[in-house]
Every structure is written in C-alpha cells, then in structure tokens.
C-alpha cells in the first residue's frame, strides 16, 4: 500500500513512515507544502493520506480538500492544532501531536475500513 505524507517537518514525516510500515504500507511519497501536496497527489495508487493542518508554506486542510475533490482517499490529520481542525472539518479523523503509535494505527484502520465500506 502507498501512503502520501503531507508534513513540513522532515523528522515527523520519517516517524510517520516508521509507524505506517508495520500496518502494511510499503511505498511512501512526501510533500512539505500545500502546492507540493496537490501536485504530488497525481499518483493514482495512493491508499492513505496523512496530513498536518499547518504547513510552511500553505495549509494541509486546503491541500486535502483539493486532492479529495477529484477522488476519495482516506485521510488522517496529524497535527498539534486539533481544535482548529475541529472548527474547519468537524468529521475529520485527527491524531494530536506528539504522535502515539497505537492512536495512529487505530485511526488508520478506522479510515481504511470506512473507505472500504463506501467503495
């Protein structure tokens, strides 16, 4: 499976990769800005997006909205600004930083299961 990690902090992006590998993800792509995320999401084989809310430069929520306007991909937001996300996207699945591996795994399983039931 392929995970697309939208995160402007390199070390957090690598940590997410390390946490996703035991869940069956074997391919990863990364974007560090809103524009790079929208451009980089052209790959047809993305199975999951993890996205930070605030990116320098840009906005992770806007990037995800642009990507998911074209196709449905399961998304887990990983952020230190969960309260901001609740206001902007109340139904989003969110993990609060600092990331706990068990919380990430549970969120990923939830969004993948929900996505599978819709397709």
PDB file of N, CA and C in Angstrom:
ATOM      1  N   UNK A   1       0.845  -1.186   0.000  1.00  0.00           N
ATOM      2  CA  UNK A   1       0.000   0.000   0.000  1.00  0.00           C
ATOM      3  C   UNK A   1       0.888   1.247   0.000  1.00  0.00           C
ATOM      4  N   UNK A   2       0.323   2.328  -0.483  1.00  0.00           N
ATOM      5  CA  UNK A   2       1.063   3.576  -0.669  1.00  0.00           C
ATOM      6  C   UNK A   2       0.474   4.652   0.243  1.00  0.00           C
ATOM      7  N   UNK A   3       1.328   5.250   1.070  1.00  0.00           N
ATOM      8  CA  UNK A   3       0.912   6.360   1.933  1.00  0.00           C
ATOM      9  C   UNK A   3       1.542   7.653   1.418  1.00  0.00           C
ATOM     10  N   UNK A   4       0.734   8.704   1.365  1.00  0.00           N
ATOM     11  CA  UNK A   4       1.187  10.034   0.967  1.00  0.00           C
ATOM     12  C   UNK A   4       1.213  10.876   2.237  1.00  0.00           C
ATOM     13  N   UNK A   5       2.395  11.292   2.654  1.00  0.00           N
ATOM     14  CA  UNK A   5       2.586  12.008   3.912  1.00  0.00           C
ATOM     15  C   UNK A   5       2.806  13.486   3.616  1.00  0.00           C
ATOM     16  N   UNK A   6       1.863  14.307   4.070  1.00  0.00           N
ATOM     17  CA  UNK A   6       1.941  15.755   3.885  1.00  0.00           C
ATOM     18  C   UNK A   6       2.357  16.341   5.231  1.00  0.00           C
ATOM     19  N   UNK A   7       3.608  16.707   5.331  1.00  0.00           N
ATOM     20  CA  UNK A   7       4.185  17.149   6.613  1.00  0.00           C
ATOM     21  C   UNK A   7       5.404  17.998   6.323  1.00  0.00           C
ATOM     22  N   UNK A   8       5.476  19.202   6.918  1.00  0.00           N
ATOM     23  CA  UNK A   8       6.602  20.090   6.635  1.00  0.00           C
ATOM     24  C   UNK A   8       7.820  19.823   7.515  1.00  0.00           C
ATOM     25  N   UNK A   9       7.679  19.001   8.540  1.00  0.00           N
ATOM     26  CA  UNK A   9       8.809  18.647   9.397  1.00  0.00           C
ATOM     27  C   UNK A   9       9.353  17.290   8.962  1.00  0.00           C
ATOM     28  N   UNK A  10      10.588  17.281   8.475  1.00  0.00           N
ATOM     29  CA  UNK A  10      11.192  16.068   7.924  1.00  0.00           C
ATOM     30  C   UNK A  10      11.183  14.914   8.928  1.00  0.00           C
ATOM     31  N   UNK A  11      11.571  15.181  10.167  1.00  0.00           N
ATOM     32  CA  UNK A  11      11.671  14.114  11.161  1.00  0.00           C
ATOM     33  C   UNK A  11      10.309  13.517  11.507  1.00  0.00           C
ATOM     34  N   UNK A  12       9.291  14.347  11.553  1.00  0.00           N
ATOM     35  CA  UNK A  12       7.943  13.831  11.813  1.00  0.00           C
ATOM     36  C   UNK A  12       7.478  12.984  10.633  1.00  0.00           C
ATOM     37  N   UNK A  13       7.770  13.422   9.424  1.00  0.00           N
ATOM     38  CA  UNK A  13       7.427  12.632   8.240  1.00  0.00           C
ATOM     39  C   UNK A  13       8.077  11.259   8.270  1.00  0.00           C
ATOM     40  N   UNK A  14       9.347  11.213   8.642  1.00  0.00           N
ATOM     41  CA  UNK A  14      10.048   9.930   8.735  1.00  0.00           C
ATOM     42  C   UNK A  14       9.475   9.066   9.854  1.00  0.00           C
ATOM     43  N   UNK A  15       9.109   9.688  10.950  1.00  0.00           N
ATOM     44  CA  UNK A  15       8.497   8.961  12.063  1.00  0.00           C
ATOM     45  C   UNK A  15       7.159   8.354  11.640  1.00  0.00           C
ATOM     46  N   UNK A  16       6.381   9.108  10.881  1.00  0.00           N
ATOM     47  CA  UNK A  16       5.114   8.581  10.368  1.00  0.00           C
ATOM     48  C   UNK A  16       5.361   7.376   9.468  1.00  0.00           C
ATOM     49  N   UNK A  17       6.364   7.468   8.611  1.00  0.00           N
ATOM     50  CA  UNK A  17       6.698   6.333   7.752  1.00  0.00           C
ATOM     51  C   UNK A  17       7.028   5.113   8.610  1.00  0.00           C
ATOM     52  N   UNK A  18       7.846   5.300   9.623  1.00  0.00           N
ATOM     53  CA  UNK A  18       8.224   4.190  10.504  1.00  0.00           C
ATOM     54  C   UNK A  18       7.005   3.569  11.187  1.00  0.00           C
ATOM     55  N   UNK A  19       6.016   4.392  11.534  1.00  0.00           N
ATOM     56  CA  UNK A  19       4.815   3.892  12.207  1.00  0.00           C
ATOM     57  C   UNK A  19       3.843   3.225  11.242  1.00  0.00           C
ATOM     58  N   UNK A  20       3.875   3.629   9.974  1.00  0.00           N
ATOM     59  CA  UNK A  20       2.953   3.074   8.985  1.00  0.00           C
ATOM     60  C   UNK A  20       3.453   1.762   8.384  1.00  0.00           C
ATOM     61  N   UNK A  21       4.744   1.559   8.362  1.00  0.00           N
ATOM     62  CA  UNK A  21       5.284   0.335   7.774  1.00  0.00           C
ATOM     63  C   UNK A  21       4.715  -0.927   8.420  1.00  0.00           C
ATOM     64  N   UNK A  22       4.619  -1.030   9.764  1.00  0.00           N
ATOM     65  CA  UNK A  22       4.047  -2.248  10.359  1.00  0.00           C
ATOM     66  C   UNK A  22       2.562  -2.456  10.020  1.00  0.00           C
ATOM     67  N   UNK A  23       1.911  -1.406   9.510  1.00  0.00           N
ATOM     68  CA  UNK A  23       0.492  -1.503   9.142  1.00  0.00           C
ATOM     69  C   UNK A  23       0.318  -1.960   7.693  1.00  0.00           C
ATOM     70  N   UNK A  24       1.421  -2.264   7.009  1.00  0.00           N
ATOM     71  CA  UNK A  24       1.337  -2.795   5.653  1.00  0.00           C
ATOM     72  C   UNK A  24       1.681  -1.816   4.555  1.00  0.00           C
ATOM     73  N   UNK A  25       2.091  -0.606   4.913  1.00  0.00           N
ATOM     74  CA  UNK A  25       2.458   0.377   3.891  1.00  0.00           C
ATOM     75  C   UNK A  25       3.903   0.133   3.475  1.00  0.00           C
ATOM     76  N   UNK A  26       4.115   0.009   2.170  1.00  0.00           N
ATOM     77  CA  UNK A  26       5.441  -0.291   1.646  1.00  0.00           C
ATOM     78  C   UNK A  26       5.975   0.793   0.725  1.00  0.00           C
ATOM     79  N   UNK A  27       5.098   1.686   0.271  1.00  0.00           N
ATOM     80  CA  UNK A  27       5.518   2.785  -0.612  1.00  0.00           C
ATOM     81  C   UNK A  27       5.085   4.093   0.031  1.00  0.00           C
ATOM     82  N   UNK A  28       5.957   5.088  -0.075  1.00  0.00           N
ATOM     83  CA  UNK A  28       5.692   6.374   0.562  1.00  0.00           C
ATOM     84  C   UNK A  28       6.082   7.496  -0.384  1.00  0.00           C
ATOM     85  N   UNK A  29       5.292   8.544  -0.354  1.00  0.00           N
ATOM     86  CA  UNK A  29       5.687   9.781  -1.004  1.00  0.00           C
ATOM     87  C   UNK A  29       5.418  10.894  -0.003  1.00  0.00           C
ATOM     88  N   UNK A  30       6.134  11.992  -0.177  1.00  0.00           N
ATOM     89  CA  UNK A  30       6.099  13.068   0.805  1.00  0.00           C
ATOM     90  C   UNK A  30       5.895  14.404   0.116  1.00  0.00           C
ATOM     91  N   UNK A  31       5.216  15.304   0.819  1.00  0.00           N
ATOM     92  CA  UNK A  31       5.093  16.694   0.383  1.00  0.00           C
ATOM     93  C   UNK A  31       5.259  17.562   1.618  1.00  0.00           C
ATOM     94  N   UNK A  32       5.978  18.671   1.449  1.00  0.00           N
ATOM     95  CA  UNK A  32       6.245  19.543   2.594  1.00  0.00           C
ATOM     96  C   UNK A  32       5.494  20.866   2.512  1.00  0.00           C
ATOM     97  N   UNK A  33       4.731  21.085   1.429  1.00  0.00           N
ATOM     98  CA  UNK A  33       3.960  22.319   1.290  1.00  0.00           C
ATOM     99  C   UNK A  33       2.613  22.000   0.648  1.00  0.00           C
ATOM    100  N   UNK A  34       1.706  22.952   0.717  1.00  0.00           N
ATOM    101  CA  UNK A  34       0.378  22.773   0.115  1.00  0.00           C
ATOM    102  C   UNK A  34       0.488  22.522  -1.384  1.00  0.00           C
ATOM    103  N   UNK A  35       1.245  23.343  -2.084  1.00  0.00           N
ATOM    104  CA  UNK A  35       1.378  23.184  -3.535  1.00  0.00           C
ATOM    105  C   UNK A  35       1.998  21.843  -3.911  1.00  0.00           C
ATOM    106  N   UNK A  36       3.046  21.451  -3.191  1.00  0.00           N
ATOM    107  CA  UNK A  36       3.697  20.171  -3.472  1.00  0.00           C
ATOM    108  C   UNK A  36       2.739  19.010  -3.219  1.00  0.00           C
ATOM    109  N   UNK A  37       1.892  19.150  -2.222  1.00  0.00           N
ATOM    110  CA  UNK A  37       0.930  18.089  -1.916  1.00  0.00           C
ATOM    111  C   UNK A  37      -0.079  17.929  -3.043  1.00  0.00           C
ATOM    112  N   UNK A  38      -0.635  19.030  -3.506  1.00  0.00           N
ATOM    113  CA  UNK A  38      -1.632  18.960  -4.577  1.00  0.00           C
ATOM    114  C   UNK A  38      -0.987  18.406  -5.846  1.00  0.00           C
ATOM    115  N   UNK A  39       0.202  18.877  -6.162  1.00  0.00           N
ATOM    116  CA  UNK A  39       0.905  18.389  -7.348  1.00  0.00           C
ATOM    117  C   UNK A  39       1.297  16.920  -7.194  1.00  0.00           C
ATOM    118  N   UNK A  40       1.788  16.546  -6.031  1.00  0.00           N
ATOM    119  CA  UNK A  40       2.287  15.198  -5.803  1.00  0.00           C
ATOM    120  C   UNK A  40       1.210  14.145  -5.684  1.00  0.00           C
ATOM    121  N   UNK A  41      -0.017  14.554  -5.492  1.00  0.00           N
ATOM    122  CA  UNK A  41      -1.113  13.595  -5.325  1.00  0.00           C
ATOM    123  C   UNK A  41      -1.629  13.056  -6.644  1.00  0.00           C
ATOM    124  N   UNK A  42      -0.946  13.358  -7.738  1.00  0.00           N
ATOM    125  CA  UNK A  42      -1.389  12.859  -9.034  1.00  0.00           C
ATOM    126  C   UNK A  42      -1.191  11.368  -9.196  1.00  0.00           C
ATOM    127  N   UNK A  43      -0.406  10.754  -8.319  1.00  0.00           N
ATOM    128  CA  UNK A  43      -0.220   9.300  -8.391  1.00  0.00           C
ATOM    129  C   UNK A  43      -1.567   8.624  -8.157  1.00  0.00           C
ATOM    130  N   UNK A  44      -1.889   7.663  -8.992  1.00  0.00           N
ATOM    131  CA  UNK A  44      -3.194   7.011  -8.904  1.00  0.00           C
ATOM    132  C   UNK A  44      -3.281   5.947  -7.820  1.00  0.00           C
ATOM    133  N   UNK A  45      -2.164   5.605  -7.243  1.00  0.00           N
ATOM    134  CA  UNK A  45      -2.158   4.467  -6.342  1.00  0.00           C
ATOM    135  C   UNK A  45      -2.036   4.838  -4.862  1.00  0.00           C
ATOM    136  N   UNK A  46      -2.495   6.002  -4.464  1.00  0.00           N
ATOM    137  CA  UNK A  46      -2.417   6.419  -3.064  1.00  0.00           C
ATOM    138  C   UNK A  46      -3.550   5.752  -2.290  1.00  0.00           C
ATOM    139  N   UNK A  47      -3.186   5.046  -1.214  1.00  0.00           N
ATOM    140  CA  UNK A  47      -4.169   4.346  -0.386  1.00  0.00           C
ATOM    141  C   UNK A  47      -4.512   5.106   0.884  1.00  0.00           C
ATOM    142  N   UNK A  48      -3.653   6.045   1.293  1.00  0.00           N
ATOM    143  CA  UNK A  48      -3.857   6.800   2.528  1.00  0.00           C
ATOM    144  C   UNK A  48      -3.099   8.110   2.442  1.00  0.00           C
ATOM    145  N   UNK A  49      -3.708   9.155   2.997  1.00  0.00           N
ATOM    146  CA  UNK A  49      -3.030  10.439   3.163  1.00  0.00           C
ATOM    147  C   UNK A  49      -2.944  10.720   4.656  1.00  0.00           C
ATOM    148  N   UNK A  50      -1.749  11.089   5.134  1.00  0.00           N
ATOM    149  CA  UNK A  50      -1.637  11.708   6.444  1.00  0.00           C
ATOM    150  C   UNK A  50      -1.248  13.153   6.184  1.00  0.00           C
ATOM    151  N   UNK A  51      -1.870  14.078   6.898  1.00  0.00           N
ATOM    152  CA  UNK A  51      -1.620  15.484   6.606  1.00  0.00           C
ATOM    153  C   UNK A  51      -1.584  16.309   7.879  1.00  0.00           C
ATOM    154  N   UNK A  52      -0.600  17.186   7.961  1.00  0.00           N
ATOM    155  CA  UNK A  52      -0.559  18.188   9.012  1.00  0.00           C
ATOM    156  C   UNK A  52      -1.534  19.298   8.620  1.00  0.00           C
ATOM    157  N   UNK A  53      -2.089  19.978   9.596  1.00  0.00           N
ATOM    158  CA  UNK A  53      -3.030  21.068   9.317  1.00  0.00           C
ATOM    159  C   UNK A  53      -2.275  22.302   8.843  1.00  0.00           C
ATOM    160  N   UNK A  54      -1.230  22.666   9.564  1.00  0.00           N
ATOM    161  CA  UNK A  54      -0.453  23.863   9.222  1.00  0.00           C
ATOM    162  C   UNK A  54       0.838  23.451   8.549  1.00  0.00           C
ATOM    163  N   UNK A  55       1.059  24.007   7.365  1.00  0.00           N
ATOM    164  CA  UNK A  55       2.285  23.756   6.608  1.00  0.00           C
ATOM    165  C   UNK A  55       2.973  25.086   6.340  1.00  0.00           C
ATOM    166  N   UNK A  56       4.284  25.052   6.244  1.00  0.00           N
ATOM    167  CA  UNK A  56       5.033  26.239   5.873  1.00  0.00           C
ATOM    168  C   UNK A  56       5.754  25.927   4.566  1.00  0.00           C
ATOM    169  N   UNK A  57       5.298  26.369   3.434  1.00  0.00           N
ATOM    170  CA  UNK A  57       4.144  27.243   3.238  1.00  0.00           C
ATOM    171  C   UNK A  57       2.858  26.459   2.966  1.00  0.00           C
ATOM    172  N   UNK A  58       1.748  27.098   3.298  1.00  0.00           N
ATOM    173  CA  UNK A  58       0.454  26.563   2.914  1.00  0.00           C
ATOM    174  C   UNK A  58      -0.364  25.995   4.042  1.00  0.00           C
ATOM    175  N   UNK A  59      -1.349  25.215   3.645  1.00  0.00           N
ATOM    176  CA  UNK A  59      -2.375  24.717   4.546  1.00  0.00           C
ATOM    177  C   UNK A  59      -2.716  23.280   4.165  1.00  0.00           C
ATOM    178  N   UNK A  60      -2.584  22.369   5.110  1.00  0.00           N
ATOM    179  CA  UNK A  60      -2.852  20.962   4.844  1.00  0.00           C
ATOM    180  C   UNK A  60      -4.302  20.655   4.577  1.00  0.00           C
ATOM    181  N   UNK A  61      -5.200  21.375   5.232  1.00  0.00           N
ATOM    182  CA  UNK A  61      -6.630  21.136   5.016  1.00  0.00           C
ATOM    183  C   UNK A  61      -7.010  21.507   3.586  1.00  0.00           C
ATOM    184  N   UNK A  62      -6.538  22.653   3.114  1.00  0.00           N
ATOM    185  CA  UNK A  62      -6.828  23.056   1.725  1.00  0.00           C
ATOM    186  C   UNK A  62      -6.227  22.060   0.741  1.00  0.00           C
ATOM    187  N   UNK A  63      -5.022  21.573   1.029  1.00  0.00           N
ATOM    188  CA  UNK A  63      -4.389  20.593   0.140  1.00  0.00           C
ATOM    189  C   UNK A  63      -5.243  19.332   0.059  1.00  0.00           C
ATOM    190  N   UNK A  64      -5.682  18.831   1.203  1.00  0.00           N
ATOM    191  CA  UNK A  64      -6.513  17.616   1.227  1.00  0.00           C
ATOM    192  C   UNK A  64      -7.840  17.857   0.516  1.00  0.00           C
ATOM    193  N   UNK A  65      -8.447  19.013   0.725  1.00  0.00           N
ATOM    194  CA  UNK A  65      -9.708  19.320   0.040  1.00  0.00           C
ATOM    195  C   UNK A  65      -9.518  19.303  -1.474  1.00  0.00           C
ATOM    196  N   UNK A  66      -8.427  19.889  -1.956  1.00  0.00           N
ATOM    197  CA  UNK A  66      -8.167  19.914  -3.402  1.00  0.00           C
ATOM    198  C   UNK A  66      -7.935  18.502  -3.938  1.00  0.00           C
ATOM    199  N   UNK A  67      -7.180  17.697  -3.202  1.00  0.00           N
ATOM    200  CA  UNK A  67      -6.902  16.330  -3.638  1.00  0.00           C
ATOM    201  C   UNK A  67      -8.178  15.496  -3.638  1.00  0.00           C
ATOM    202  N   UNK A  68      -8.938  15.584  -2.572  1.00  0.00           N
ATOM    203  CA  UNK A  68     -10.124  14.731  -2.425  1.00  0.00           C
ATOM    204  C   UNK A  68     -11.327  15.236  -3.227  1.00  0.00           C
ATOM    205  N   UNK A  69     -11.225  16.421  -3.819  1.00  0.00           N
ATOM    206  CA  UNK A  69     -12.284  16.885  -4.712  1.00  0.00           C
ATOM    207  C   UNK A  69     -12.290  16.057  -5.988  1.00  0.00           C
ATOM    208  N   UNK A  70     -11.136  15.491  -6.339  1.00  0.00           N
ATOM    209  CA  UNK A  70     -11.011  14.707  -7.569  1.00  0.00           C
ATOM    210  C   UNK A  70     -11.238  13.224  -7.340  1.00  0.00           C
ATOM    211  N   UNK A  71     -10.922  12.731  -6.134  1.00  0.00           N
ATOM    212  CA  UNK A  71     -11.104  11.308  -5.827  1.00  0.00           C
ATOM    213  C   UNK A  71     -11.081  11.114  -4.317  1.00  0.00           C
ATOM    214  N   UNK A  72     -11.706  10.070  -3.897  1.00  0.00           N
ATOM    215  CA  UNK A  72     -11.799   9.788  -2.469  1.00  0.00           C
ATOM    216  C   UNK A  72     -10.608   8.958  -2.003  1.00  0.00           C
ATOM    217  N   UNK A  73      -9.854   9.519  -1.082  1.00  0.00           N
ATOM    218  CA  UNK A  73      -8.708   8.841  -0.478  1.00  0.00           C
ATOM    219  C   UNK A  73      -8.873   8.981   1.033  1.00  0.00           C
ATOM    220  N   UNK A  74      -8.690   7.905   1.791  1.00  0.00           N
ATOM    221  CA  UNK A  74      -8.774   8.015   3.249  1.00  0.00           C
ATOM    222  C   UNK A  74      -7.701   8.972   3.786  1.00  0.00           C
ATOM    223  N   UNK A  75      -8.085   9.787   4.786  1.00  0.00           N
ATOM    224  CA  UNK A  75      -7.194  10.820   5.323  1.00  0.00           C
ATOM    225  C   UNK A  75      -7.168  10.754   6.843  1.00  0.00           C
ATOM    226  N   UNK A  76      -5.974  10.836   7.402  1.00  0.00           N
ATOM    227  CA  UNK A  76      -5.785  11.034   8.836  1.00  0.00           C
ATOM    228  C   UNK A  76      -4.972  12.313   8.993  1.00  0.00           C
ATOM    229  N   UNK A  77      -5.533  13.291   9.713  1.00  0.00           N
ATOM    230  CA  UNK A  77      -4.789  14.511  10.001  1.00  0.00           C
ATOM    231  C   UNK A  77      -3.939  14.272  11.240  1.00  0.00           C
ATOM    232  N   UNK A  78      -2.692  14.720  11.185  1.00  0.00           N
ATOM    233  CA  UNK A  78      -1.747  14.589  12.283  1.00  0.00           C
ATOM    234  C   UNK A  78      -1.279  16.004  12.598  1.00  0.00           C
ATOM    235  N   UNK A  79      -1.697  16.538  13.754  1.00  0.00           N
ATOM    236  CA  UNK A  79      -1.486  17.959  13.991  1.00  0.00           C
ATOM    237  C   UNK A  79      -1.358  18.292  15.468  1.00  0.00           C
ATOM    238  N   UNK A  80      -0.769  19.399  15.733  1.00  0.00           N
ATOM    239  CA  UNK A  80      -0.748  19.976  17.065  1.00  0.00           C
ATOM    240  C   UNK A  80      -1.879  20.972  17.241  1.00  0.00           C
ATOM    241  N   UNK A  81      -2.722  21.116  16.220  1.00  0.00           N
ATOM    242  CA  UNK A  81      -3.795  22.112  16.222  1.00  0.00           C
ATOM    243  C   UNK A  81      -5.152  21.446  15.994  1.00  0.00           C
ATOM    244  N   UNK A  82      -5.459  20.441  16.795  1.00  0.00           N
ATOM    245  CA  UNK A  82      -6.698  19.682  16.616  1.00  0.00           C
ATOM    246  C   UNK A  82      -7.927  20.570  16.746  1.00  0.00           C
ATOM    247  N   UNK A  83      -7.893  21.527  17.650  1.00  0.00           N
ATOM    248  CA  UNK A  83      -9.055  22.404  17.844  1.00  0.00           C
ATOM    249  C   UNK A  83      -9.348  23.226  16.592  1.00  0.00           C
ATOM    250  N   UNK A  84      -8.322  23.647  15.874  1.00  0.00           N
ATOM    251  CA  UNK A  84      -8.514  24.380  14.622  1.00  0.00           C
ATOM    252  C   UNK A  84      -9.180  23.483  13.585  1.00  0.00           C
ATOM    253  N   UNK A  85      -8.757  22.241  13.517  1.00  0.00           N
ATOM    254  CA  UNK A  85      -9.325  21.303  12.552  1.00  0.00           C
ATOM    255  C   UNK A  85     -10.779  20.994  12.874  1.00  0.00           C
ATOM    256  N   UNK A  86     -11.112  20.873  14.163  1.00  0.00           N
ATOM    257  CA  UNK A  86     -12.500  20.592  14.551  1.00  0.00           C
ATOM    258  C   UNK A  86     -13.446  21.664  14.031  1.00  0.00           C
ATOM    259  N   UNK A  87     -12.993  22.905  14.028  1.00  0.00           N
ATOM    260  CA  UNK A  87     -13.815  24.003  13.521  1.00  0.00           C
ATOM    261  C   UNK A  87     -13.949  23.941  11.997  1.00  0.00           C
ATOM    262  N   UNK A  88     -12.871  23.601  11.317  1.00  0.00           N
ATOM    263  CA  UNK A  88     -12.847  23.638   9.855  1.00  0.00           C
ATOM    264  C   UNK A  88     -13.398  22.376   9.210  1.00  0.00           C
ATOM    265  N   UNK A  89     -13.201  21.233   9.852  1.00  0.00           N
ATOM    266  CA  UNK A  89     -13.615  19.952   9.280  1.00  0.00           C
ATOM    267  C   UNK A  89     -14.014  19.012  10.417  1.00  0.00           C
ATOM    268  N   UNK A  90     -15.230  19.210  10.949  1.00  0.00           N
ATOM    269  CA  UNK A  90     -15.635  18.506  12.163  1.00  0.00           C
ATOM    270  C   UNK A  90     -15.689  16.978  12.045  1.00  0.00           C
ATOM    271  N   UNK A  91     -15.789  16.436  10.846  1.00  0.00           N
ATOM    272  CA  UNK A  91     -15.876  14.976  10.703  1.00  0.00           C
ATOM    273  C   UNK A  91     -14.521  14.332  10.404  1.00  0.00           C
ATOM    274  N   UNK A  92     -13.460  15.133  10.363  1.00  0.00           N
ATOM    275  CA  UNK A  92     -12.131  14.615  10.042  1.00  0.00           C
ATOM    276  C   UNK A  92     -11.620  13.693  11.146  1.00  0.00           C
ATOM    277  N   UNK A  93     -10.830  12.720  10.739  1.00  0.00           N
ATOM    278  CA  UNK A  93     -10.127  11.865  11.686  1.00  0.00           C
ATOM    279  C   UNK A  93      -8.801  12.541  11.991  1.00  0.00           C
ATOM    280  N   UNK A  94      -8.534  12.757  13.283  1.00  0.00           N
ATOM    281  CA  UNK A  94      -7.355  13.535  13.666  1.00  0.00           C
ATOM    282  C   UNK A  94      -6.602  12.847  14.802  1.00  0.00           C
ATOM    283  N   UNK A  95      -5.283  12.907  14.706  1.00  0.00           N
ATOM    284  CA  UNK A  95      -4.376  12.443  15.745  1.00  0.00           C
ATOM    285  C   UNK A  95      -3.607  13.673  16.220  1.00  0.00           C
ATOM    286  N   UNK A  96      -3.553  13.861  17.514  1.00  0.00           N
ATOM    287  CA  UNK A  96      -2.856  15.005  18.104  1.00  0.00           C
ATOM    288  C   UNK A  96      -1.358  14.703  18.232  1.00  0.00           C
ATOM    289  N   UNK A  97      -0.523  15.670  17.882  1.00  0.00           N
ATOM    290  CA  UNK A  97       0.910  15.557  18.134  1.00  0.00           C
ATOM    291  C   UNK A  97       1.152  15.840  19.606  1.00  0.00           C
ATOM    292  N   UNK A  98       2.104  15.208  20.247  1.00  0.00           N
ATOM    293  CA  UNK A  98       3.015  14.208  19.721  1.00  0.00           C
ATOM    294  C   UNK A  98       2.278  12.905  19.400  1.00  0.00           C
ATOM    295  N   UNK A  99       2.718  12.242  18.357  1.00  0.00           N
ATOM    296  CA  UNK A  99       2.029  11.075  17.811  1.00  0.00           C
ATOM    297  C   UNK A  99       2.288   9.852  18.675  1.00  0.00           C
ATOM    298  N   UNK A 100       1.209   9.159  19.005  1.00  0.00           N
ATOM    299  CA  UNK A 100       1.316   7.871  19.690  1.00  0.00           C
ATOM    300  C   UNK A 100       1.008   6.790  18.665  1.00  0.00           C
ATOM    301  N   UNK A 101       1.902   5.819  18.547  1.00  0.00           N
ATOM    302  CA  UNK A 101       1.801   4.809  17.503  1.00  0.00           C
ATOM    303  C   UNK A 101       0.468   4.065  17.536  1.00  0.00           C
ATOM    304  N   UNK A 102      -0.022   3.730  18.724  1.00  0.00           N
ATOM    305  CA  UNK A 102      -1.285   2.991  18.816  1.00  0.00           C
ATOM    306  C   UNK A 102      -2.467   3.844  18.363  1.00  0.00           C
ATOM    307  N   UNK A 103      -2.441   5.139  18.636  1.00  0.00           N
ATOM    308  CA  UNK A 103      -3.516   6.026  18.185  1.00  0.00           C
ATOM    309  C   UNK A 103      -3.500   6.169  16.668  1.00  0.00           C
ATOM    310  N   UNK A 104      -2.308   6.295  16.095  1.00  0.00           N
ATOM    311  CA  UNK A 104      -2.193   6.380  14.641  1.00  0.00           C
ATOM    312  C   UNK A 104      -2.707   5.101  13.998  1.00  0.00           C
ATOM    313  N   UNK A 105      -2.299   3.945  14.532  1.00  0.00           N
ATOM    314  CA  UNK A 105      -2.733   2.669  13.967  1.00  0.00           C
ATOM    315  C   UNK A 105      -4.253   2.537  14.012  1.00  0.00           C
ATOM    316  N   UNK A 106      -4.864   2.916  15.126  1.00  0.00           N
ATOM    317  CA  UNK A 106      -6.323   2.828  15.251  1.00  0.00           C
ATOM    318  C   UNK A 106      -7.011   3.758  14.255  1.00  0.00           C
ATOM    319  N   UNK A 107      -6.484   4.971  14.093  1.00  0.00           N
ATOM    320  CA  UNK A 107      -7.082   5.932  13.154  1.00  0.00           C
ATOM    321  C   UNK A 107      -6.946   5.443  11.717  1.00  0.00           C
ATOM    322  N   UNK A 108      -5.795   4.895  11.368  1.00  0.00           N
ATOM    323  CA  UNK A 108      -5.582   4.392  10.011  1.00  0.00           C
ATOM    324  C   UNK A 108      -6.540   3.239   9.732  1.00  0.00           C
ATOM    325  N   UNK A 109      -6.648   2.309  10.653  1.00  0.00           N
ATOM    326  CA  UNK A 109      -7.576   1.193  10.454  1.00  0.00           C
ATOM    327  C   UNK A 109      -9.010   1.690  10.291  1.00  0.00           C
ATOM    328  N   UNK A 110      -9.383   2.691  11.085  1.00  0.00           N
ATOM    329  CA  UNK A 110     -10.748   3.243  11.001  1.00  0.00           C
ATOM    330  C   UNK A 110     -11.025   3.861   9.634  1.00  0.00           C
ATOM    331  N   UNK A 111     -10.125   4.723   9.139  1.00  0.00           N
ATOM    332  CA  UNK A 111     -10.396   5.391   7.868  1.00  0.00           C
ATOM    333  C   UNK A 111     -10.330   4.414   6.699  1.00  0.00           C
ATOM    334  N   UNK A 112      -9.425   3.431   6.769  1.00  0.00           N
ATOM    335  CA  UNK A 112      -9.373   2.433   5.691  1.00  0.00           C
ATOM    336  C   UNK A 112     -10.634   1.576   5.681  1.00  0.00           C
ATOM    337  N   UNK A 113     -11.118   1.202   6.843  1.00  0.00           N
ATOM    338  CA  UNK A 113     -12.340   0.410   6.944  1.00  0.00           C
ATOM    339  C   UNK A 113     -13.549   1.202   6.432  1.00  0.00           C
ATOM    340  N   UNK A 114     -13.637   2.459   6.838  1.00  0.00           N
ATOM    341  CA  UNK A 114     -14.738   3.323   6.402  1.00  0.00           C
ATOM    342  C   UNK A 114     -14.705   3.496   4.888  1.00  0.00           C
ATOM    343  N   UNK A 115     -13.522   3.710   4.339  1.00  0.00           N
ATOM    344  CA  UNK A 115     -13.362   3.888   2.894  1.00  0.00           C
ATOM    345  C   UNK A 115     -13.767   2.613   2.140  1.00  0.00           C
ATOM    346  N   UNK A 116     -13.343   1.473   2.655  1.00  0.00           N
ATOM    347  CA  UNK A 116     -13.656   0.199   2.000  1.00  0.00           C
ATOM    348  C   UNK A 116     -15.170  -0.051   1.981  1.00  0.00           C
ATOM    349  N   UNK A 117     -15.860   0.326   3.050  1.00  0.00           N
ATOM    350  CA  UNK A 117     -17.297   0.106   3.104  1.00  0.00           C
ATOM    351  C   UNK A 117     -18.067   1.023   2.153  1.00  0.00           C
ATOM    352  N   UNK A 118     -17.435   2.136   1.762  1.00  0.00           N
ATOM    353  CA  UNK A 118     -18.078   3.080   0.830  1.00  0.00           C
ATOM    354  C   UNK A 118     -17.835   2.721  -0.622  1.00  0.00           C
ATOM    355  N   UNK A 119     -16.814   1.892  -0.891  1.00  0.00           N
ATOM    356  CA  UNK A 119     -16.490   1.571  -2.284  1.00  0.00           C
ATOM    357  C   UNK A 119     -17.020   0.205  -2.678  1.00  0.00           C
TER     358      UNK A 119
END
